[in-house]
Amino acid sequence: MSKVRCAHCGCRFIPNPRIKNQRYCGSIQCQRARKASWQRRKLAADPDYQADKKEGQRDWQIRNPGYWQSWRLRHPEYVERNRMLQQKRRRRHVAKMDALRQLLETKTGSYYILPEHEGMVAKMDASTLKVRLILSG
């Protein structure tokens, strides 16, 4: 049997004949990378998976009220580091989804979403993208 190069670590391994098109070796780090890659693809392509994940997170938050507040109290070095990084981020451009929605509701035409620049920062409810109106024909 010929060896295959691992998609994560790059080392060569003999694939298991029972696994069709095996691309990752059996090391723990590579298997974690394989799972993370699968989850990213699934999350991007499957709305049911997205909804289930969001519901699971919401249920966990209901079962664990106050978890993040107590975590921050136990990790003051993280809180301080995050505070410093937030101050840096505030100096950059932050795009919010509300601005995007307002633009889309008030204008008509075809929209192409293009990134403005690499250093832009956004939160979960924000967009790091700039909308440029391109009028068709």
C-alpha atoms as a PDB file:
ATOM      1  CA  MET A   1       0.000   0.000   0.000  1.00  0.00           C
ATOM      2  CA  SER A   2       1.396   3.435  -0.893  1.00  0.00           C
ATOM      3  CA  LYS A   3       1.875   6.202   1.645  1.00  0.00           C
ATOM      4  CA  VAL A   4      -0.168   9.431   1.633  1.00  0.00           C
ATOM      5  CA  ARG A   5       0.823  12.844   2.973  1.00  0.00           C
ATOM      6  CA  CYS A   6      -1.282  14.089   5.932  1.00  0.00           C
ATOM      7  CA  ALA A   7      -3.297  17.227   5.107  1.00  0.00           C
ATOM      8  CA  HIS A   8      -2.500  18.736   8.516  1.00  0.00           C
ATOM      9  CA  CYS A   9       1.020  17.813   9.637  1.00  0.00           C
ATOM     10  CA  GLY A  10       2.443  16.808   6.257  1.00  0.00           C
ATOM     11  CA  CYS A  11       3.972  13.545   7.435  1.00  0.00           C
ATOM     12  CA  ARG A  12       3.543  10.443   5.306  1.00  0.00           C
ATOM     13  CA  PHE A  13       1.352   7.572   6.542  1.00  0.00           C
ATOM     14  CA  ILE A  14      -0.230   4.375   5.276  1.00  0.00           C
ATOM     15  CA  PRO A  15      -3.982   4.989   4.959  1.00  0.00           C
ATOM     16  CA  ASN A  16      -6.469   2.592   6.492  1.00  0.00           C
ATOM     17  CA  PRO A  17      -7.983   0.557   3.630  1.00  0.00           C
ATOM     18  CA  ARG A  18     -11.425   0.796   5.273  1.00  0.00           C
ATOM     19  CA  ILE A  19     -11.384   4.622   5.109  1.00  0.00           C
ATOM     20  CA  LYS A  20     -12.017   5.878   1.592  1.00  0.00           C
ATOM     21  CA  ASN A  21      -9.863   8.894   0.597  1.00  0.00           C
ATOM     22  CA  GLN A  22      -8.201   9.217   4.022  1.00  0.00           C
ATOM     23  CA  ARG A  23      -6.388  12.558   4.152  1.00  0.00           C
ATOM     24  CA  TYR A  24      -5.338  12.807   7.830  1.00  0.00           C
ATOM     25  CA  CYS A  25      -3.025  10.594   9.854  1.00  0.00           C
ATOM     26  CA  GLY A  26      -4.086   9.151  13.208  1.00  0.00           C
ATOM     27  CA  SER A  27      -2.333  11.625  15.531  1.00  0.00           C
ATOM     28  CA  ILE A  28      -4.547  13.457  17.999  1.00  0.00           C
ATOM     29  CA  GLN A  29      -3.640  16.920  16.642  1.00  0.00           C
ATOM     30  CA  CYS A  30      -4.412  15.881  13.057  1.00  0.00           C
ATOM     31  CA  GLN A  31      -7.715  14.294  14.040  1.00  0.00           C
ATOM     32  CA  ARG A  32      -8.681  17.483  15.878  1.00  0.00           C
ATOM     33  CA  ALA A  33      -7.784  19.502  12.787  1.00  0.00           C
ATOM     34  CA  ARG A  34      -9.878  17.139  10.641  1.00  0.00           C
ATOM     35  CA  LYS A  35     -12.873  17.554  12.946  1.00  0.00           C
ATOM     36  CA  ALA A  36     -12.484  21.348  13.089  1.00  0.00           C
ATOM     37  CA  SER A  37     -12.300  21.494   9.292  1.00  0.00           C
ATOM     38  CA  TRP A  38     -15.438  19.374   8.973  1.00  0.00           C
ATOM     39  CA  GLN A  39     -17.283  21.550  11.498  1.00  0.00           C
ATOM     40  CA  ARG A  40     -16.326  24.766   9.659  1.00  0.00           C
ATOM     41  CA  ARG A  41     -17.569  23.361   6.343  1.00  0.00           C
ATOM     42  CA  LYS A  42     -20.756  22.006   7.930  1.00  0.00           C
ATOM     43  CA  LEU A  43     -21.462  25.289   9.721  1.00  0.00           C
ATOM     44  CA  ALA A  44     -21.006  27.262   6.497  1.00  0.00           C
ATOM     45  CA  ALA A  45     -23.201  24.976   4.386  1.00  0.00           C
ATOM     46  CA  ASP A  46     -25.924  23.533   6.632  1.00  0.00           C
ATOM     47  CA  PRO A  47     -28.548  25.897   8.124  1.00  0.00           C
ATOM     48  CA  ASP A  48     -29.950  23.099  10.325  1.00  0.00           C
ATOM     49  CA  TYR A  49     -26.496  22.513  11.823  1.00  0.00           C
ATOM     50  CA  GLN A  50     -26.179  26.268  12.454  1.00  0.00           C
ATOM     51  CA  ALA A  51     -29.574  26.359  14.190  1.00  0.00           C
ATOM     52  CA  ASP A  52     -28.762  23.297  16.312  1.00  0.00           C
ATOM     53  CA  LYS A  53     -25.437  24.790  17.377  1.00  0.00           C
ATOM     54  CA  LYS A  54     -27.045  28.122  18.279  1.00  0.00           C
ATOM     55  CA  GLU A  55     -29.805  26.348  20.232  1.00  0.00           C
ATOM     56  CA  GLY A  56     -27.238  24.233  22.079  1.00  0.00           C
ATOM     57  CA  GLN A  57     -25.257  27.332  23.050  1.00  0.00           C
ATOM     58  CA  ARG A  58     -28.423  29.070  24.245  1.00  0.00           C
ATOM     59  CA  ASP A  59     -29.428  26.022  26.315  1.00  0.00           C
ATOM     60  CA  TRP A  60     -25.937  25.866  27.855  1.00  0.00           C
ATOM     61  CA  GLN A  61     -26.137  29.549  28.802  1.00  0.00           C
ATOM     62  CA  ILE A  62     -29.514  28.958  30.467  1.00  0.00           C
ATOM     63  CA  ARG A  63     -28.110  26.003  32.442  1.00  0.00           C
ATOM     64  CA  ASN A  64     -24.971  27.965  33.441  1.00  0.00           C
ATOM     65  CA  PRO A  65     -26.041  31.494  34.386  1.00  0.00           C
ATOM     66  CA  GLY A  66     -23.230  33.731  35.539  1.00  0.00           C
ATOM     67  CA  TYR A  67     -20.513  31.433  34.187  1.00  0.00           C
ATOM     68  CA  TRP A  68     -18.681  34.115  32.210  1.00  0.00           C
ATOM     69  CA  GLN A  69     -18.787  36.651  35.037  1.00  0.00           C
ATOM     70  CA  SER A  70     -17.208  34.156  37.438  1.00  0.00           C
ATOM     71  CA  TRP A  71     -14.690  33.073  34.776  1.00  0.00           C
ATOM     72  CA  ARG A  72     -13.551  36.673  34.340  1.00  0.00           C
ATOM     73  CA  LEU A  73     -13.180  37.038  38.107  1.00  0.00           C
ATOM     74  CA  ARG A  74     -10.931  33.948  38.143  1.00  0.00           C
ATOM     75  CA  HIS A  75      -8.829  35.157  35.168  1.00  0.00           C
ATOM     76  CA  PRO A  76      -7.948  38.835  35.732  1.00  0.00           C
ATOM     77  CA  GLU A  77      -4.915  38.637  33.405  1.00  0.00           C
ATOM     78  CA  TYR A  78      -7.245  37.736  30.510  1.00  0.00           C
ATOM     79  CA  VAL A  79      -9.585  40.601  31.390  1.00  0.00           C
ATOM     80  CA  GLU A  80      -6.711  43.092  31.363  1.00  0.00           C
ATOM     81  CA  ARG A  81      -5.300  41.765  28.081  1.00  0.00           C
ATOM     82  CA  ASN A  82      -8.748  41.891  26.492  1.00  0.00           C
ATOM     83  CA  ARG A  83      -9.254  45.458  27.709  1.00  0.00           C
ATOM     84  CA  MET A  84      -5.991  46.538  26.071  1.00  0.00           C
ATOM     85  CA  LEU A  85      -6.860  44.792  22.798  1.00  0.00           C
ATOM     86  CA  GLN A  86     -10.333  46.373  22.786  1.00  0.00           C
ATOM     87  CA  GLN A  87      -8.774  49.816  23.094  1.00  0.00           C
ATOM     88  CA  LYS A  88      -6.611  49.054  20.046  1.00  0.00           C
ATOM     89  CA  ARG A  89      -9.631  47.796  18.120  1.00  0.00           C
ATOM     90  CA  ARG A  90     -11.650  50.920  18.863  1.00  0.00           C
ATOM     91  CA  ARG A  91      -9.078  52.909  16.945  1.00  0.00           C
ATOM     92  CA  ARG A  92      -9.802  50.809  13.864  1.00  0.00           C
ATOM     93  CA  HIS A  93     -12.954  50.767  11.757  1.00  0.00           C
ATOM     94  CA  VAL A  94     -15.799  48.627  13.064  1.00  0.00           C
ATOM     95  CA  ALA A  95     -18.696  47.913  10.731  1.00  0.00           C
ATOM     96  CA  LYS A  96     -22.104  47.122  12.175  1.00  0.00           C
ATOM     97  CA  MET A  97     -24.819  45.044  10.530  1.00  0.00           C
ATOM     98  CA  ASP A  98     -27.416  47.744  11.264  1.00  0.00           C
ATOM     99  CA  ALA A  99     -25.653  50.103   8.861  1.00  0.00           C
ATOM    100  CA  LEU A 100     -25.614  47.399   6.207  1.00  0.00           C
ATOM    101  CA  ARG A 101     -29.326  46.646   6.701  1.00  0.00           C
ATOM    102  CA  GLN A 102     -30.209  50.343   6.518  1.00  0.00           C
ATOM    103  CA  LEU A 103     -28.294  50.737   3.272  1.00  0.00           C
ATOM    104  CA  LEU A 104     -29.913  47.671   1.737  1.00  0.00           C
ATOM    105  CA  GLU A 105     -33.412  48.794   2.773  1.00  0.00           C
ATOM    106  CA  THR A 106     -33.074  52.297   1.367  1.00  0.00           C
ATOM    107  CA  LYS A 107     -31.284  51.558  -1.909  1.00  0.00           C
ATOM    108  CA  THR A 108     -32.217  49.408  -4.853  1.00  0.00           C
ATOM    109  CA  GLY A 109     -29.912  47.622  -7.249  1.00  0.00           C
ATOM    110  CA  SER A 110     -27.368  44.823  -7.225  1.00  0.00           C
ATOM    111  CA  TYR A 111     -24.976  44.667  -4.272  1.00  0.00           C
ATOM    112  CA  TYR A 112     -21.576  43.044  -4.137  1.00  0.00           C
ATOM    113  CA  ILE A 113     -19.996  42.791  -0.716  1.00  0.00           C
ATOM    114  CA  LEU A 114     -16.252  43.487  -0.907  1.00  0.00           C
ATOM    115  CA  PRO A 115     -13.771  43.640   1.990  1.00  0.00           C
ATOM    116  CA  GLU A 116     -12.546  47.172   2.592  1.00  0.00           C
ATOM    117  CA  HIS A 117      -9.177  46.213   4.086  1.00  0.00           C
ATOM    118  CA  GLU A 118      -7.484  43.456   6.065  1.00  0.00           C
ATOM    119  CA  GLY A 119      -7.239  45.212   9.431  1.00  0.00           C
ATOM    120  CA  MET A 120     -10.956  45.763   9.930  1.00  0.00           C
ATOM    121  CA  VAL A 121     -12.498  44.266  13.086  1.00  0.00           C
ATOM    122  CA  ALA A 122     -16.065  43.168  13.782  1.00  0.00           C
ATOM    123  CA  LYS A 123     -18.190  41.631  16.505  1.00  0.00           C
ATOM    124  CA  MET A 124     -20.705  38.777  16.071  1.00  0.00           C
ATOM    125  CA  ASP A 125     -23.450  41.219  15.080  1.00  0.00           C
ATOM    126  CA  ALA A 126     -21.182  43.284  12.878  1.00  0.00           C
ATOM    127  CA  SER A 127     -19.783  43.049   9.393  1.00  0.00           C
ATOM    128  CA  THR A 128     -16.178  43.646   8.409  1.00  0.00           C
ATOM    129  CA  LEU A 129     -17.306  44.358   4.893  1.00  0.00           C
ATOM    130  CA  LYS A 130     -17.976  47.500   2.926  1.00  0.00           C
ATOM    131  CA  VAL A 131     -20.989  47.613   0.637  1.00  0.00           C
ATOM    132  CA  ARG A 132     -20.474  49.327  -2.682  1.00  0.00           C
ATOM    133  CA  LEU A 133     -23.482  49.936  -4.875  1.00  0.00           C
ATOM    134  CA  ILE A 134     -22.971  48.688  -8.437  1.00  0.00           C
ATOM    135  CA  LEU A 135     -25.818  49.683 -10.703  1.00  0.00           C
ATOM    136  CA  SER A 136     -26.601  47.129 -13.375  1.00  0.00           C
ATOM    137  CA  GLY A 137     -27.340  47.976 -17.010  1.00  0.00           C
END
